[in-house]
Amino acid sequence: MSADQNHREMTPEQEHEFYADPANQEPQGPARRRKSPLSTPVPVRFPADLLEDVKRAAEADDRSVSAWIRRAVEHELSRSA
């Protein structure tokens, strides 16, 4: 597997094997920073079934649950603007 192969084409097992090699752990390009620091955490409660849907969607997008929710909120705010 080449270093420029798109990781989305690999199975999780192939990704693990690829990134287990220290040569494939070098950062590519400049560091990316958040637009601004995050605020204090905001506790939000979801019904269990909705939270499971969010977890599945976040995993499908290869994002953390928090990052997925932030993106969903940003999207909704931009729609109403």
PDB file of N, CA and C in Angstrom:
ATOM      1  N   MET A   1       0.840  -1.185   0.000  1.00  0.00           N
ATOM      2  CA  MET A   1       0.000   0.000   0.000  1.00  0.00           C
ATOM      3  C   MET A   1       0.875   1.236   0.000  1.00  0.00           C
ATOM      4  N   SER A   2       0.554   2.192  -0.832  1.00  0.00           N
ATOM      5  CA  SER A   2       1.357   3.409  -0.896  1.00  0.00           C
ATOM      6  C   SER A   2       0.878   4.417   0.134  1.00  0.00           C
ATOM      7  N   ALA A   3       1.772   5.333   0.522  1.00  0.00           N
ATOM      8  CA  ALA A   3       1.443   6.338   1.536  1.00  0.00           C
ATOM      9  C   ALA A   3       0.375   7.296   1.047  1.00  0.00           C
ATOM     10  N   ASP A   4       0.245   7.453  -0.264  1.00  0.00           N
ATOM     11  CA  ASP A   4      -0.748   8.404  -0.770  1.00  0.00           C
ATOM     12  C   ASP A   4      -2.108   7.757  -1.022  1.00  0.00           C
ATOM     13  N   GLN A   5      -2.250   6.477  -0.682  1.00  0.00           N
ATOM     14  CA  GLN A   5      -3.531   5.809  -0.875  1.00  0.00           C
ATOM     15  C   GLN A   5      -4.567   6.428   0.056  1.00  0.00           C
ATOM     16  N   ASN A   6      -5.720   6.663  -0.451  1.00  0.00           N
ATOM     17  CA  ASN A   6      -6.803   7.236   0.344  1.00  0.00           C
ATOM     18  C   ASN A   6      -7.215   6.223   1.400  1.00  0.00           C
ATOM     19  N   HIS A   7      -7.132   6.606   2.693  1.00  0.00           N
ATOM     20  CA  HIS A   7      -7.413   5.659   3.763  1.00  0.00           C
ATOM     21  C   HIS A   7      -8.847   5.161   3.736  1.00  0.00           C
ATOM     22  N   ARG A   8      -9.757   5.844   3.096  1.00  0.00           N
ATOM     23  CA  ARG A   8     -11.151   5.407   3.047  1.00  0.00           C
ATOM     24  C   ARG A   8     -11.322   4.178   2.163  1.00  0.00           C
ATOM     25  N   GLU A   9     -10.309   3.841   1.377  1.00  0.00           N
ATOM     26  CA  GLU A   9     -10.375   2.661   0.528  1.00  0.00           C
ATOM     27  C   GLU A   9      -9.877   1.428   1.278  1.00  0.00           C
ATOM     28  N   MET A  10      -9.308   1.604   2.474  1.00  0.00           N
ATOM     29  CA  MET A  10      -8.753   0.501   3.242  1.00  0.00           C
ATOM     30  C   MET A  10      -9.775  -0.020   4.246  1.00  0.00           C
ATOM     31  N   THR A  11      -9.670  -1.293   4.543  1.00  0.00           N
ATOM     32  CA  THR A  11     -10.470  -1.850   5.626  1.00  0.00           C
ATOM     33  C   THR A  11      -9.820  -1.401   6.939  1.00  0.00           C
ATOM     34  N   PRO A  12     -10.538  -1.472   8.047  1.00  0.00           N
ATOM     35  CA  PRO A  12      -9.915  -1.113   9.328  1.00  0.00           C
ATOM     36  C   PRO A  12      -8.646  -1.923   9.614  1.00  0.00           C
ATOM     37  N   GLU A  13      -8.639  -3.181   9.225  1.00  0.00           N
ATOM     38  CA  GLU A  13      -7.445  -4.019   9.435  1.00  0.00           C
ATOM     39  C   GLU A  13      -6.270  -3.516   8.593  1.00  0.00           C
ATOM     40  N   GLN A  14      -6.548  -3.121   7.355  1.00  0.00           N
ATOM     41  CA  GLN A  14      -5.491  -2.592   6.487  1.00  0.00           C
ATOM     42  C   GLN A  14      -4.968  -1.258   7.024  1.00  0.00           C
ATOM     43  N   GLU A  15      -5.876  -0.419   7.519  1.00  0.00           N
ATOM     44  CA  GLU A  15      -5.448   0.854   8.114  1.00  0.00           C
ATOM     45  C   GLU A  15      -4.533   0.604   9.300  1.00  0.00           C
ATOM     46  N   HIS A  16      -4.919  -0.340  10.161  1.00  0.00           N
ATOM     47  CA  HIS A  16      -4.103  -0.650  11.336  1.00  0.00           C
ATOM     48  C   HIS A  16      -2.707  -1.093  10.912  1.00  0.00           C
ATOM     49  N   GLU A  17      -2.645  -1.986   9.942  1.00  0.00           N
ATOM     50  CA  GLU A  17      -1.349  -2.475   9.460  1.00  0.00           C
ATOM     51  C   GLU A  17      -0.530  -1.339   8.839  1.00  0.00           C
ATOM     52  N   PHE A  18      -1.177  -0.493   8.046  1.00  0.00           N
ATOM     53  CA  PHE A  18      -0.491   0.614   7.381  1.00  0.00           C
ATOM     54  C   PHE A  18       0.102   1.581   8.398  1.00  0.00           C
ATOM     55  N   TYR A  19      -0.717   2.005   9.376  1.00  0.00           N
ATOM     56  CA  TYR A  19      -0.256   3.004  10.334  1.00  0.00           C
ATOM     57  C   TYR A  19       0.593   2.412  11.457  1.00  0.00           C
ATOM     58  N   ALA A  20       0.694   1.099  11.541  1.00  0.00           N
ATOM     59  CA  ALA A  20       1.596   0.470  12.508  1.00  0.00           C
ATOM     60  C   ALA A  20       3.055   0.717  12.113  1.00  0.00           C
ATOM     61  N   ASP A  21       3.298   0.992  10.838  1.00  0.00           N
ATOM     62  CA  ASP A  21       4.643   1.295  10.348  1.00  0.00           C
ATOM     63  C   ASP A  21       4.966   2.751  10.680  1.00  0.00           C
ATOM     64  N   PRO A  22       6.018   3.010  11.490  1.00  0.00           N
ATOM     65  CA  PRO A  22       6.356   4.393  11.859  1.00  0.00           C
ATOM     66  C   PRO A  22       6.570   5.310  10.654  1.00  0.00           C
ATOM     67  N   ALA A  23       6.973   4.772   9.522  1.00  0.00           N
ATOM     68  CA  ALA A  23       7.175   5.600   8.326  1.00  0.00           C
ATOM     69  C   ALA A  23       5.855   6.205   7.840  1.00  0.00           C
ATOM     70  N   ASN A  24       4.729   5.582   8.201  1.00  0.00           N
ATOM     71  CA  ASN A  24       3.418   6.081   7.770  1.00  0.00           C
ATOM     72  C   ASN A  24       2.746   6.927   8.840  1.00  0.00           C
ATOM     73  N   GLN A  25       3.514   7.339   9.849  1.00  0.00           N
ATOM     74  CA  GLN A  25       2.948   8.137  10.926  1.00  0.00           C
ATOM     75  C   GLN A  25       3.438   9.580  10.890  1.00  0.00           C
ATOM     76  N   GLU A  26       4.106   9.962   9.830  1.00  0.00           N
ATOM     77  CA  GLU A  26       4.599  11.332   9.690  1.00  0.00           C
ATOM     78  C   GLU A  26       3.463  12.245   9.246  1.00  0.00           C
ATOM     79  N   PRO A  27       3.325  13.416   9.865  1.00  0.00           N
ATOM     80  CA  PRO A  27       2.276  14.353   9.442  1.00  0.00           C
ATOM     81  C   PRO A  27       2.457  14.761   7.979  1.00  0.00           C
ATOM     82  N   GLN A  28       1.350  14.949   7.296  1.00  0.00           N
ATOM     83  CA  GLN A  28       1.369  15.362   5.900  1.00  0.00           C
ATOM     84  C   GLN A  28       0.823  16.776   5.805  1.00  0.00           C
ATOM     85  N   GLY A  29       1.633  17.716   5.353  1.00  0.00           N
ATOM     86  CA  GLY A  29       1.184  19.092   5.187  1.00  0.00           C
ATOM     87  C   GLY A  29       1.209  19.859   6.492  1.00  0.00           C
ATOM     88  N   PRO A  30       0.746  21.100   6.442  1.00  0.00           N
ATOM     89  CA  PRO A  30       0.770  21.945   7.646  1.00  0.00           C
ATOM     90  C   PRO A  30      -0.261  21.485   8.674  1.00  0.00           C
ATOM     91  N   ALA A  31      -0.007  21.830   9.924  1.00  0.00           N
ATOM     92  CA  ALA A  31      -0.944  21.494  10.987  1.00  0.00           C
ATOM     93  C   ALA A  31      -2.247  22.241  10.770  1.00  0.00           C
ATOM     94  N   ARG A  32      -3.351  21.600  11.101  1.00  0.00           N
ATOM     95  CA  ARG A  32      -4.660  22.249  11.001  1.00  0.00           C
ATOM     96  C   ARG A  32      -5.144  22.538  12.416  1.00  0.00           C
ATOM     97  N   ARG A  33      -5.524  23.743  12.641  1.00  0.00           N
ATOM     98  CA  ARG A  33      -6.006  24.159  13.957  1.00  0.00           C
ATOM     99  C   ARG A  33      -7.490  24.473  13.883  1.00  0.00           C
ATOM    100  N   ARG A  34      -8.143  24.363  15.009  1.00  0.00           N
ATOM    101  CA  ARG A  34      -9.546  24.750  15.078  1.00  0.00           C
ATOM    102  C   ARG A  34      -9.639  26.247  14.804  1.00  0.00           C
ATOM    103  N   LYS A  35     -10.791  26.680  14.333  1.00  0.00           N
ATOM    104  CA  LYS A  35     -11.001  28.104  14.066  1.00  0.00           C
ATOM    105  C   LYS A  35     -10.798  28.917  15.329  1.00  0.00           C
ATOM    106  N   SER A  36     -11.320  28.435  16.437  1.00  0.00           N
ATOM    107  CA  SER A  36     -11.153  29.114  17.716  1.00  0.00           C
ATOM    108  C   SER A  36     -11.221  28.054  18.811  1.00  0.00           C
ATOM    109  N   PRO A  37     -10.683  28.386  19.975  1.00  0.00           N
ATOM    110  CA  PRO A  37     -10.746  27.401  21.064  1.00  0.00           C
ATOM    111  C   PRO A  37     -12.203  27.069  21.408  1.00  0.00           C
ATOM    112  N   LEU A  38     -12.404  25.881  21.896  1.00  0.00           N
ATOM    113  CA  LEU A  38     -13.754  25.479  22.276  1.00  0.00           C
ATOM    114  C   LEU A  38     -14.123  26.078  23.626  1.00  0.00           C
ATOM    115  N   SER A  39     -15.400  26.275  23.832  1.00  0.00           N
ATOM    116  CA  SER A  39     -15.902  26.843  25.087  1.00  0.00           C
ATOM    117  C   SER A  39     -15.989  25.745  26.151  1.00  0.00           C
ATOM    118  N   THR A  40     -16.554  26.109  27.258  1.00  0.00           N
ATOM    119  CA  THR A  40     -16.833  25.151  28.320  1.00  0.00           C
ATOM    120  C   THR A  40     -17.805  24.103  27.781  1.00  0.00           C
ATOM    121  N   PRO A  41     -17.657  22.827  28.160  1.00  0.00           N
ATOM    122  CA  PRO A  41     -18.590  21.795  27.683  1.00  0.00           C
ATOM    123  C   PRO A  41     -20.040  22.119  28.056  1.00  0.00           C
ATOM    124  N   VAL A  42     -20.938  21.762  27.151  1.00  0.00           N
ATOM    125  CA  VAL A  42     -22.370  21.969  27.366  1.00  0.00           C
ATOM    126  C   VAL A  42     -23.013  20.586  27.478  1.00  0.00           C
ATOM    127  N   PRO A  43     -23.558  20.258  28.638  1.00  0.00           N
ATOM    128  CA  PRO A  43     -24.195  18.940  28.767  1.00  0.00           C
ATOM    129  C   PRO A  43     -25.503  18.893  27.982  1.00  0.00           C
ATOM    130  N   VAL A  44     -25.633  17.897  27.155  1.00  0.00           N
ATOM    131  CA  VAL A  44     -26.838  17.707  26.354  1.00  0.00           C
ATOM    132  C   VAL A  44     -27.252  16.245  26.513  1.00  0.00           C
ATOM    133  N   ARG A  45     -28.524  16.019  26.747  1.00  0.00           N
ATOM    134  CA  ARG A  45     -29.013  14.650  26.919  1.00  0.00           C
ATOM    135  C   ARG A  45     -29.852  14.258  25.700  1.00  0.00           C
ATOM    136  N   PHE A  46     -29.681  13.005  25.280  1.00  0.00           N
ATOM    137  CA  PHE A  46     -30.420  12.462  24.152  1.00  0.00           C
ATOM    138  C   PHE A  46     -31.134  11.196  24.595  1.00  0.00           C
ATOM    139  N   PRO A  47     -32.294  10.905  24.010  1.00  0.00           N
ATOM    140  CA  PRO A  47     -32.890   9.584  24.238  1.00  0.00           C
ATOM    141  C   PRO A  47     -31.897   8.523  23.738  1.00  0.00           C
ATOM    142  N   ALA A  48     -31.885   7.373  24.369  1.00  0.00           N
ATOM    143  CA  ALA A  48     -30.908   6.324  24.051  1.00  0.00           C
ATOM    144  C   ALA A  48     -30.898   5.957  22.567  1.00  0.00           C
ATOM    145  N   ASP A  49     -32.074   5.834  21.959  1.00  0.00           N
ATOM    146  CA  ASP A  49     -32.117   5.437  20.550  1.00  0.00           C
ATOM    147  C   ASP A  49     -31.548   6.517  19.638  1.00  0.00           C
ATOM    148  N   LEU A  50     -31.799   7.784  19.963  1.00  0.00           N
ATOM    149  CA  LEU A  50     -31.238   8.876  19.164  1.00  0.00           C
ATOM    150  C   LEU A  50     -29.719   8.922  19.321  1.00  0.00           C
ATOM    151  N   LEU A  51     -29.229   8.731  20.527  1.00  0.00           N
ATOM    152  CA  LEU A  51     -27.782   8.725  20.753  1.00  0.00           C
ATOM    153  C   LEU A  51     -27.110   7.607  19.965  1.00  0.00           C
ATOM    154  N   GLU A  52     -27.736   6.452  19.892  1.00  0.00           N
ATOM    155  CA  GLU A  52     -27.173   5.349  19.095  1.00  0.00           C
ATOM    156  C   GLU A  52     -27.118   5.727  17.624  1.00  0.00           C
ATOM    157  N   ASP A  53     -28.151   6.411  17.125  1.00  0.00           N
ATOM    158  CA  ASP A  53     -28.148   6.878  15.733  1.00  0.00           C
ATOM    159  C   ASP A  53     -27.010   7.871  15.503  1.00  0.00           C
ATOM    160  N   VAL A  54     -26.806   8.781  16.456  1.00  0.00           N
ATOM    161  CA  VAL A  54     -25.723   9.767  16.345  1.00  0.00           C
ATOM    162  C   VAL A  54     -24.374   9.062  16.344  1.00  0.00           C
ATOM    163  N   LYS A  55     -24.190   8.102  17.222  1.00  0.00           N
ATOM    164  CA  LYS A  55     -22.917   7.359  17.284  1.00  0.00           C
ATOM    165  C   LYS A  55     -22.638   6.650  15.965  1.00  0.00           C
ATOM    166  N   ARG A  56     -23.671   6.022  15.391  1.00  0.00           N
ATOM    167  CA  ARG A  56     -23.480   5.331  14.102  1.00  0.00           C
ATOM    168  C   ARG A  56     -23.130   6.318  12.994  1.00  0.00           C
ATOM    169  N   ALA A  57     -23.820   7.467  12.972  1.00  0.00           N
ATOM    170  CA  ALA A  57     -23.548   8.474  11.944  1.00  0.00           C
ATOM    171  C   ALA A  57     -22.138   9.034  12.102  1.00  0.00           C
ATOM    172  N   ALA A  58     -21.719   9.288  13.331  1.00  0.00           N
ATOM    173  CA  ALA A  58     -20.372   9.806  13.580  1.00  0.00           C
ATOM    174  C   ALA A  58     -19.324   8.796  13.141  1.00  0.00           C
ATOM    175  N   GLU A  59     -19.546   7.538  13.463  1.00  0.00           N
ATOM    176  CA  GLU A  59     -18.598   6.496  13.060  1.00  0.00           C
ATOM    177  C   GLU A  59     -18.533   6.384  11.535  1.00  0.00           C
ATOM    178  N   ALA A  60     -19.667   6.472  10.878  1.00  0.00           N
ATOM    179  CA  ALA A  60     -19.701   6.394   9.409  1.00  0.00           C
ATOM    180  C   ALA A  60     -18.941   7.556   8.785  1.00  0.00           C
ATOM    181  N   ASP A  61     -18.947   8.723   9.449  1.00  0.00           N
ATOM    182  CA  ASP A  61     -18.222   9.900   8.960  1.00  0.00           C
ATOM    183  C   ASP A  61     -16.789   9.956   9.474  1.00  0.00           C
ATOM    184  N   ASP A  62     -16.374   8.946  10.236  1.00  0.00           N
ATOM    185  CA  ASP A  62     -15.028   8.888  10.816  1.00  0.00           C
ATOM    186  C   ASP A  62     -14.758  10.131  11.670  1.00  0.00           C
ATOM    187  N   ARG A  63     -15.737  10.470  12.516  1.00  0.00           N
ATOM    188  CA  ARG A  63     -15.642  11.627  13.412  1.00  0.00           C
ATOM    189  C   ARG A  63     -15.998  11.181  14.825  1.00  0.00           C
ATOM    190  N   SER A  64     -15.577  11.980  15.785  1.00  0.00           N
ATOM    191  CA  SER A  64     -16.043  11.748  17.149  1.00  0.00           C
ATOM    192  C   SER A  64     -17.496  12.184  17.235  1.00  0.00           C
ATOM    193  N   VAL A  65     -18.197  11.707  18.256  1.00  0.00           N
ATOM    194  CA  VAL A  65     -19.581  12.120  18.451  1.00  0.00           C
ATOM    195  C   VAL A  65     -19.639  13.636  18.634  1.00  0.00           C
ATOM    196  N   SER A  66     -18.719  14.191  19.427  1.00  0.00           N
ATOM    197  CA  SER A  66     -18.710  15.642  19.653  1.00  0.00           C
ATOM    198  C   SER A  66     -18.508  16.409  18.355  1.00  0.00           C
ATOM    199  N   ALA A  67     -17.547  15.979  17.539  1.00  0.00           N
ATOM    200  CA  ALA A  67     -17.285  16.667  16.274  1.00  0.00           C
ATOM    201  C   ALA A  67     -18.488  16.550  15.338  1.00  0.00           C
ATOM    202  N   TRP A  68     -19.145  15.386  15.342  1.00  0.00           N
ATOM    203  CA  TRP A  68     -20.304  15.201  14.483  1.00  0.00           C
ATOM    204  C   TRP A  68     -21.442  16.127  14.910  1.00  0.00           C
ATOM    205  N   ILE A  69     -21.679  16.223  16.224  1.00  0.00           N
ATOM    206  CA  ILE A  69     -22.743  17.091  16.729  1.00  0.00           C
ATOM    207  C   ILE A  69     -22.414  18.551  16.441  1.00  0.00           C
ATOM    208  N   ARG A  70     -21.147  18.971  16.645  1.00  0.00           N
ATOM    209  CA  ARG A  70     -20.771  20.360  16.335  1.00  0.00           C
ATOM    210  C   ARG A  70     -21.046  20.670  14.877  1.00  0.00           C
ATOM    211  N   ARG A  71     -20.681  19.748  13.980  1.00  0.00           N
ATOM    212  CA  ARG A  71     -20.910  19.970  12.552  1.00  0.00           C
ATOM    213  C   ARG A  71     -22.401  20.055  12.245  1.00  0.00           C
ATOM    214  N   ALA A  72     -23.212  19.210  12.877  1.00  0.00           N
ATOM    215  CA  ALA A  72     -24.658  19.241  12.656  1.00  0.00           C
ATOM    216  C   ALA A  72     -25.253  20.565  13.133  1.00  0.00           C
ATOM    217  N   VAL A  73     -24.792  21.046  14.265  1.00  0.00           N
ATOM    218  CA  VAL A  73     -25.292  22.326  14.786  1.00  0.00           C
ATOM    219  C   VAL A  73     -24.874  23.461  13.853  1.00  0.00           C
ATOM    220  N   GLU A  74     -23.601  23.471  13.419  1.00  0.00           N
ATOM    221  CA  GLU A  74     -23.131  24.509  12.483  1.00  0.00           C
ATOM    222  C   GLU A  74     -23.966  24.484  11.210  1.00  0.00           C
ATOM    223  N   HIS A  75     -24.267  23.294  10.722  1.00  0.00           N
ATOM    224  CA  HIS A  75     -25.067  23.165   9.499  1.00  0.00           C
ATOM    225  C   HIS A  75     -26.462  23.760   9.705  1.00  0.00           C
ATOM    226  N   GLU A  76     -27.096  23.428  10.804  1.00  0.00           N
ATOM    227  CA  GLU A  76     -28.437  23.945  11.075  1.00  0.00           C
ATOM    228  C   GLU A  76     -28.425  25.466  11.246  1.00  0.00           C
ATOM    229  N   LEU A  77     -27.423  25.986  11.907  1.00  0.00           N
ATOM    230  CA  LEU A  77     -27.333  27.442  12.083  1.00  0.00           C
ATOM    231  C   LEU A  77     -27.108  28.155  10.747  1.00  0.00           C
ATOM    232  N   SER A  78     -26.340  27.550   9.867  1.00  0.00           N
ATOM    233  CA  SER A  78     -26.094  28.181   8.563  1.00  0.00           C
ATOM    234  C   SER A  78     -27.345  28.122   7.686  1.00  0.00           C
ATOM    235  N   ARG A  79     -28.194  27.109   7.870  1.00  0.00           N
ATOM    236  CA  ARG A  79     -29.446  27.008   7.107  1.00  0.00           C
ATOM    237  C   ARG A  79     -30.416  28.116   7.479  1.00  0.00           C
ATOM    238  N   SER A  80     -30.456  28.470   8.748  1.00  0.00           N
ATOM    239  CA  SER A  80     -31.425  29.459   9.196  1.00  0.00           C
ATOM    240  C   SER A  80     -30.912  30.882   9.057  1.00  0.00           C
ATOM    241  N   ALA A  81     -29.648  31.026   8.680  1.00  0.00           N
ATOM    242  CA  ALA A  81     -29.071  32.370   8.554  1.00  0.00           C
ATOM    243  C   ALA A  81     -29.481  33.054   7.264  1.00  0.00           C
TER     244      ALA A  81
END
